[in-house]
Amino acid sequence: MLLLVIFIIVVALVFDFLNGFHDAANSIATVVSTRVLTPRKAVVWAAFFNLVAAFLFDVHIAKTIGKGLIDLAAVDVYVILAGLVGAIFWDLLTWYFGIPASSSHALMGGYAGAAVAKAGFGSILYAGWTNTLLFIVLAPLMGMVLGFAMKVSLMWIFHRRSSSRINKSFRKLQLLSAALYSLGHGTNDAQKTMGIITTLLVTAGILTHFEVPWWVILSSHFAIAMGTLFGGWRIVKTMGQKVTKLKPSDGFCAETAGGVTLLVTAFSGIAISTTHTITGAIMGVGATKRMSAVRWGLAGRIVVAWILTIPLAAVVSAIAYHLIAAFV
């Protein structure tokens, strides 16, 4: 059993690495597209703050994921393994096609699908899913509204200055906004893996109660930081260039709006998608120029991917659970 637990922890950290790899675009797309940093420097900057987040925040989201979504009585090591398989499959599929889907929702959907395959729909703690499902809509809207409001405010405050002078100033400020967003991204997404690993340790009898160990916190942040270093370049292009064209002041507003949204929800223990949040913020900033500045057709395809992530990851994980159960 111990070897199986160690193997599943490794699989969970592989998912965490892929989460960083897949979602690196969220952290660096704006700062790369505005040419404030080169891609190589941008991923180092983002990965550093992904790792630093381990020492700054509590683990409210880890508790939500670990014991707030699924009845722990219905969970065993195979449920967790199958859930991770479904999430990893969806991450790799959407990365291949350059779709900025949510790694977080893939993990939650996979976890739920595997639990339902084992114990039926009675294993779902429906009350725990309320905020998660609600914030599929609210997180991008919050990012969009904040991004729009910040950009409009800057346009009003600096309306007498030339655009070139404004963007020259915001090239430096965008380093701070990128750091803020990466802190939010690190604490949100690493905690989801922490929650899964801690649940594994509880169900395997290694822990007597749900309390996230320090080694789990550090390893989860390290894995996501390493994933960010390698970066998912296909998605960078979609996020930073195809949704709307960005200048340094635009990037500053989008990253700040996204970072604030992520940190507010992290302190509240609400598991949201970093992908949804920054996409909404970029759209909000783009909409201040003119509505046609945002490629709404592409945005619509992204939204479809968002809607499909939880159910499709759940289906893949349910199939994975039945396959695993057939051999053990």
Protein backbone atom coordinates (compact mmCIF):
# COMPACT_ATOMS: atom_id res chain seq x y z
CA MET A 1 0.00 0.00 0.00
CA LEU A 2 2.81 2.41 0.87
CA LEU A 3 4.37 2.03 -2.58
CA LEU A 4 0.97 2.69 -4.19
CA VAL A 5 0.51 5.83 -2.07
CA ILE A 6 3.98 7.07 -3.07
CA PHE A 7 3.18 6.36 -6.74
CA ILE A 8 -0.09 8.34 -6.54
CA ILE A 9 1.69 11.25 -4.84
CA VAL A 10 4.13 11.28 -7.76
CA VAL A 11 1.18 11.25 -10.20
CA ALA A 12 -0.39 14.16 -8.28
CA LEU A 13 2.84 16.15 -8.53
CA VAL A 14 3.02 15.33 -12.25
CA PHE A 15 -0.47 16.82 -12.56
CA ASP A 16 0.73 19.85 -10.57
CA PHE A 17 3.70 20.22 -12.94
CA LEU A 18 1.35 19.99 -15.94
CA ASN A 19 -0.93 22.53 -14.27
CA GLY A 20 1.97 24.98 -14.16
CA PHE A 21 3.02 24.01 -17.68
CA HIS A 22 -0.55 24.42 -18.99
CA ASP A 23 -1.31 27.59 -17.02
CA ALA A 24 2.06 29.28 -17.52
CA ALA A 25 0.29 31.18 -20.28
CA ASN A 26 -2.00 32.74 -17.69
CA SER A 27 0.95 34.12 -15.76
CA ILE A 28 3.14 35.30 -18.63
CA ALA A 29 0.98 35.88 -21.71
CA THR A 30 0.34 39.56 -21.03
CA VAL A 31 3.88 40.44 -19.95
CA VAL A 32 5.33 38.61 -23.00
CA SER A 33 2.84 40.01 -25.49
CA THR A 34 3.54 43.57 -24.35
CA ARG A 35 7.28 42.79 -24.68
CA VAL A 36 8.03 43.92 -21.15
CA LEU A 37 9.89 40.64 -20.63
CA THR A 38 11.26 38.02 -22.97
CA PRO A 39 9.54 34.63 -22.71
CA ARG A 40 12.50 33.10 -20.86
CA LYS A 41 12.67 35.89 -18.27
CA ALA A 42 8.89 35.92 -17.92
CA VAL A 43 8.64 32.24 -16.98
CA VAL A 44 11.43 32.62 -14.42
CA TRP A 45 9.64 35.64 -12.92
CA ALA A 46 6.30 33.81 -12.77
CA ALA A 47 7.80 30.57 -11.43
CA PHE A 48 9.61 32.44 -8.64
CA PHE A 49 6.38 33.99 -7.37
CA ASN A 50 4.51 30.69 -7.79
CA LEU A 51 7.04 29.26 -5.32
CA VAL A 52 7.09 32.26 -2.95
CA ALA A 53 3.32 31.93 -2.51
CA ALA A 54 3.98 28.78 -0.41
CA PHE A 55 5.18 30.99 2.46
CA LEU A 56 2.50 33.69 2.33
CA PHE A 57 -0.95 32.11 2.39
CA ASP A 58 -3.12 29.69 4.33
CA VAL A 59 -4.54 26.50 2.77
CA HIS A 60 -8.27 27.27 2.68
CA ILE A 61 -8.64 26.07 -0.91
CA ALA A 62 -6.82 22.80 -0.16
CA LYS A 63 -9.41 22.09 2.54
CA THR A 64 -12.25 22.89 0.13
CA ILE A 65 -10.89 20.50 -2.49
CA GLY A 66 -9.86 17.78 -0.06
CA LYS A 67 -12.92 17.46 2.12
CA GLY A 68 -15.54 19.87 0.81
CA LEU A 69 -16.51 18.33 -2.54
CA ILE A 70 -16.63 14.56 -2.03
CA ASP A 71 -17.66 12.47 0.98
CA LEU A 72 -14.36 11.06 2.25
CA ALA A 73 -16.11 7.81 3.19
CA ALA A 74 -16.53 7.16 -0.56
CA VAL A 75 -12.89 7.89 -1.42
CA ASP A 76 -10.06 5.40 -1.68
CA VAL A 77 -6.64 5.50 -3.30
CA TYR A 78 -8.02 4.26 -6.63
CA VAL A 79 -10.61 7.05 -6.78
CA ILE A 80 -7.82 9.59 -6.36
CA LEU A 81 -5.62 7.90 -8.95
CA ALA A 82 -8.45 7.76 -11.50
CA GLY A 83 -9.33 11.40 -10.83
CA LEU A 84 -5.76 12.44 -11.52
CA VAL A 85 -5.67 10.38 -14.74
CA GLY A 86 -8.77 12.18 -16.06
CA ALA A 87 -7.40 15.60 -15.14
CA ILE A 88 -4.01 14.92 -16.74
CA PHE A 89 -5.68 13.64 -19.92
CA TRP A 90 -7.80 16.79 -20.25
CA ASP A 91 -4.83 19.07 -19.55
CA LEU A 92 -2.73 17.44 -22.26
CA LEU A 93 -5.59 17.42 -24.76
CA THR A 94 -6.40 21.13 -24.33
CA TRP A 95 -2.71 22.06 -24.30
CA TYR A 96 -2.22 20.24 -27.61
CA PHE A 97 -5.02 22.24 -29.25
CA GLY A 98 -3.95 25.51 -27.59
CA ILE A 99 -7.19 25.87 -25.62
CA PRO A 100 -6.86 27.76 -22.28
CA ALA A 101 -9.12 25.36 -20.35
CA SER A 102 -9.04 25.11 -16.57
CA SER A 103 -6.66 22.63 -14.94
CA SER A 104 -8.46 23.26 -11.67
CA HIS A 105 -11.85 22.29 -13.04
CA ALA A 106 -10.30 19.28 -14.76
CA LEU A 107 -9.03 18.09 -11.37
CA MET A 108 -12.36 18.71 -9.65
CA GLY A 109 -14.31 17.06 -12.44
CA GLY A 110 -11.95 14.08 -12.51
CA TYR A 111 -12.15 13.64 -8.73
CA ALA A 112 -15.96 13.76 -8.82
CA GLY A 113 -16.23 11.41 -11.80
CA ALA A 114 -14.07 8.76 -10.16
CA ALA A 115 -16.02 9.04 -6.88
CA VAL A 116 -19.36 8.66 -8.69
CA ALA A 117 -18.02 5.62 -10.56
CA LYS A 118 -17.20 3.99 -7.23
CA ALA A 119 -20.05 5.07 -4.94
CA GLY A 120 -22.71 6.79 -7.05
CA PHE A 121 -23.96 10.37 -6.94
CA GLY A 122 -24.55 10.12 -3.20
CA SER A 123 -20.79 10.62 -2.76
CA ILE A 124 -21.05 14.21 -4.01
CA LEU A 125 -21.30 16.94 -1.35
CA TYR A 126 -23.54 19.22 -3.38
CA ALA A 127 -23.32 22.15 -0.97
CA GLY A 128 -19.56 22.23 -1.47
CA TRP A 129 -19.97 22.59 -5.22
CA THR A 130 -22.16 25.70 -5.03
CA ASN A 131 -19.35 28.25 -4.99
CA THR A 132 -17.27 26.28 -7.49
CA LEU A 133 -20.05 26.19 -10.09
CA LEU A 134 -21.13 29.75 -9.33
CA PHE A 135 -17.61 31.08 -9.83
CA ILE A 136 -17.30 29.45 -13.25
CA VAL A 137 -19.40 32.46 -14.20
CA LEU A 138 -18.40 34.96 -11.52
CA ALA A 139 -14.59 34.61 -11.69
CA PRO A 140 -14.24 35.73 -15.34
CA LEU A 141 -16.88 38.41 -14.75
CA MET A 142 -14.98 39.74 -11.74
CA GLY A 143 -11.78 39.79 -13.78
CA MET A 144 -13.58 41.46 -16.69
CA VAL A 145 -15.24 44.16 -14.57
CA LEU A 146 -12.07 44.93 -12.61
CA GLY A 147 -9.94 44.97 -15.77
CA PHE A 148 -12.42 47.25 -17.54
CA ALA A 149 -12.73 49.58 -14.53
CA MET A 150 -8.97 49.86 -14.04
CA LYS A 151 -8.33 50.61 -17.70
CA VAL A 152 -11.09 53.22 -17.84
CA SER A 153 -9.70 54.83 -14.67
CA LEU A 154 -6.20 55.00 -16.15
CA MET A 155 -7.53 56.48 -19.38
CA TRP A 156 -9.31 59.19 -17.39
CA ILE A 157 -6.37 59.91 -15.05
CA PHE A 158 -3.76 60.07 -17.84
CA HIS A 159 -5.91 61.44 -20.67
CA ARG A 160 -3.63 64.46 -21.09
CA ARG A 161 -0.51 62.36 -21.56
CA SER A 162 0.60 60.67 -24.75
CA SER A 163 0.06 56.96 -25.10
CA SER A 164 3.78 56.31 -25.58
CA ARG A 165 4.72 58.03 -22.31
CA ILE A 166 2.04 56.15 -20.38
CA ASN A 167 3.11 52.77 -21.70
CA LYS A 168 6.76 53.54 -20.99
CA SER A 169 5.88 54.04 -17.31
CA PHE A 170 3.73 50.93 -17.18
CA ARG A 171 6.47 48.71 -18.55
CA LYS A 172 8.02 48.77 -15.06
CA LEU A 173 4.72 48.60 -13.22
CA GLN A 174 3.76 45.55 -15.21
CA LEU A 175 6.52 43.62 -13.48
CA LEU A 176 4.66 44.18 -10.20
CA SER A 177 1.28 43.23 -11.64
CA ALA A 178 2.75 40.07 -13.16
CA ALA A 179 4.22 39.18 -9.76
CA LEU A 180 0.85 39.78 -8.07
CA TYR A 181 -0.92 37.56 -10.57
CA SER A 182 1.69 34.80 -10.22
CA LEU A 183 1.29 34.87 -6.43
CA GLY A 184 -2.46 34.41 -6.86
CA HIS A 185 -1.97 31.70 -9.45
CA GLY A 186 0.53 29.83 -7.26
CA THR A 187 -1.58 29.85 -4.12
CA ASN A 188 -4.80 28.91 -5.94
CA ASP A 189 -3.60 26.08 -8.13
CA ALA A 190 -0.94 24.52 -5.89
CA GLN A 191 -3.50 24.23 -3.11
CA LYS A 192 -5.73 22.03 -5.26
CA THR A 193 -2.97 19.45 -5.54
CA MET A 194 -2.30 19.81 -1.80
CA GLY A 195 -5.93 18.98 -1.12
CA ILE A 196 -5.78 15.82 -3.25
CA ILE A 197 -2.51 14.58 -1.70
CA THR A 198 -3.76 15.24 1.84
CA THR A 199 -6.99 13.37 1.08
CA LEU A 200 -4.87 10.47 -0.15
CA LEU A 201 -2.88 10.46 3.10
CA VAL A 202 -6.09 10.47 5.16
CA THR A 203 -7.80 7.69 3.19
CA ALA A 204 -4.62 5.56 3.33
CA GLY A 205 -4.52 5.94 7.12
CA ILE A 206 -1.22 7.83 7.13
CA LEU A 207 -2.89 10.93 8.59
CA THR A 208 -5.59 10.70 11.26
CA HIS A 209 -7.26 13.98 10.28
CA PHE A 210 -7.19 16.44 7.39
CA GLU A 211 -4.22 18.72 8.01
CA VAL A 212 -1.92 19.68 5.13
CA PRO A 213 1.71 18.78 6.00
CA TRP A 214 4.47 21.27 5.23
CA TRP A 215 6.23 18.89 2.86
CA VAL A 216 3.02 18.67 0.81
CA ILE A 217 2.79 22.48 0.65
CA LEU A 218 6.40 22.89 -0.46
CA SER A 219 6.40 20.03 -2.97
CA SER A 220 3.15 21.23 -4.55
CA HIS A 221 4.47 24.77 -5.00
CA PHE A 222 7.80 23.48 -6.30
CA ALA A 223 6.07 21.24 -8.87
CA ILE A 224 3.83 24.02 -10.20
CA ALA A 225 6.78 26.43 -10.33
CA MET A 226 8.81 23.93 -12.35
CA GLY A 227 5.86 23.46 -14.72
CA THR A 228 5.65 27.21 -15.20
CA LEU A 229 9.36 27.30 -16.08
CA PHE A 230 8.74 24.98 -19.02
CA GLY A 231 5.62 26.88 -20.12
CA GLY A 232 2.79 26.05 -22.49
CA TRP A 233 3.69 28.21 -25.49
CA ARG A 234 0.69 27.23 -27.62
CA ILE A 235 -1.65 28.79 -25.06
CA VAL A 236 0.54 31.87 -24.60
CA LYS A 237 -0.22 32.82 -28.20
CA THR A 238 -3.97 32.39 -27.72
CA MET A 239 -4.10 34.33 -24.45
CA GLY A 240 -1.65 37.10 -25.28
CA GLN A 241 -2.26 37.76 -28.96
CA LYS A 242 -5.45 36.22 -30.29
CA VAL A 243 -8.01 37.41 -27.71
CA THR A 244 -7.03 41.09 -28.00
CA LYS A 245 -3.91 43.20 -28.64
CA LEU A 246 -2.24 44.45 -25.46
CA LYS A 247 0.00 47.36 -24.47
CA PRO A 248 1.91 47.58 -21.14
CA SER A 249 -0.87 49.61 -19.48
CA ASP A 250 -3.39 46.99 -20.69
CA GLY A 251 -1.25 44.17 -19.31
CA PHE A 252 -0.92 45.96 -15.97
CA CYS A 253 -4.70 46.32 -15.66
CA ALA A 254 -5.43 42.74 -16.71
CA GLU A 255 -2.83 41.20 -14.39
CA THR A 256 -3.80 43.36 -11.43
CA ALA A 257 -7.50 42.60 -11.91
CA GLY A 258 -6.76 38.90 -12.20
CA GLY A 259 -4.41 38.88 -9.21
CA VAL A 260 -6.86 40.71 -6.94
CA THR A 261 -9.65 38.30 -7.90
CA LEU A 262 -7.45 35.26 -7.22
CA LEU A 263 -6.25 36.50 -3.84
CA VAL A 264 -9.73 37.51 -2.64
CA THR A 265 -11.14 34.08 -3.50
CA ALA A 266 -8.10 32.29 -2.04
CA PHE A 267 -8.62 33.97 1.32
CA SER A 268 -12.29 32.96 1.09
CA GLY A 269 -11.45 29.32 0.35
CA ILE A 270 -13.23 29.41 -3.01
CA ALA A 271 -11.63 27.21 -5.67
CA ILE A 272 -11.74 29.14 -8.96
CA SER A 273 -10.06 28.85 -12.32
CA THR A 274 -7.01 31.05 -12.84
CA THR A 275 -7.53 30.57 -16.58
CA HIS A 276 -11.09 31.87 -16.49
CA THR A 277 -10.05 34.83 -14.34
CA ILE A 278 -7.22 36.16 -16.50
CA THR A 279 -9.15 35.55 -19.72
CA GLY A 280 -12.03 37.64 -18.38
CA ALA A 281 -9.62 40.38 -17.29
CA ILE A 282 -7.97 40.51 -20.74
CA MET A 283 -11.40 40.74 -22.40
CA GLY A 284 -12.44 43.53 -20.02
CA VAL A 285 -9.35 45.56 -20.86
CA GLY A 286 -9.81 44.94 -24.59
CA ALA A 287 -13.44 46.08 -24.43
CA THR A 288 -12.37 49.58 -23.31
CA LYS A 289 -10.97 50.23 -26.78
CA ARG A 290 -14.04 49.09 -28.67
CA MET A 291 -16.15 45.97 -28.50
CA SER A 292 -14.71 44.72 -31.78
CA ALA A 293 -11.19 44.81 -30.25
CA VAL A 294 -12.04 41.54 -28.51
CA ARG A 295 -12.34 38.51 -30.77
CA TRP A 296 -15.63 37.33 -29.32
CA GLY A 297 -15.78 34.31 -31.64
CA LEU A 298 -12.57 32.95 -30.12
CA ALA A 299 -13.84 33.91 -26.67
CA GLY A 300 -16.99 31.90 -27.34
CA ARG A 301 -14.96 28.79 -28.21
CA ILE A 302 -12.97 29.24 -25.00
CA VAL A 303 -16.20 29.43 -22.99
CA VAL A 304 -17.40 26.19 -24.58
CA ALA A 305 -14.18 24.52 -23.41
CA TRP A 306 -14.83 25.87 -19.92
CA ILE A 307 -18.32 24.38 -19.86
CA LEU A 308 -17.13 20.99 -21.09
CA THR A 309 -14.10 20.66 -18.79
CA ILE A 310 -15.78 19.34 -15.62
CA PRO A 311 -18.15 16.82 -17.26
CA LEU A 312 -15.61 15.48 -19.79
CA ALA A 313 -12.84 15.14 -17.20
CA ALA A 314 -15.40 13.36 -15.01
CA VAL A 315 -16.26 10.90 -17.79
CA VAL A 316 -12.59 10.12 -18.49
CA SER A 317 -11.92 9.58 -14.78
CA ALA A 318 -14.97 7.34 -14.39
CA ILE A 319 -13.71 5.17 -17.26
CA ALA A 320 -10.23 5.18 -15.71
CA TYR A 321 -11.67 4.08 -12.36
CA HIS A 322 -13.52 1.13 -13.92
CA LEU A 323 -10.37 0.10 -15.80
CA ILE A 324 -8.27 0.29 -12.63
CA ALA A 325 -10.92 -1.60 -10.64
CA ALA A 326 -10.92 -4.37 -13.23
CA PHE A 327 -7.23 -5.06 -12.62
CA VAL A 328 -6.99 -4.71 -8.82
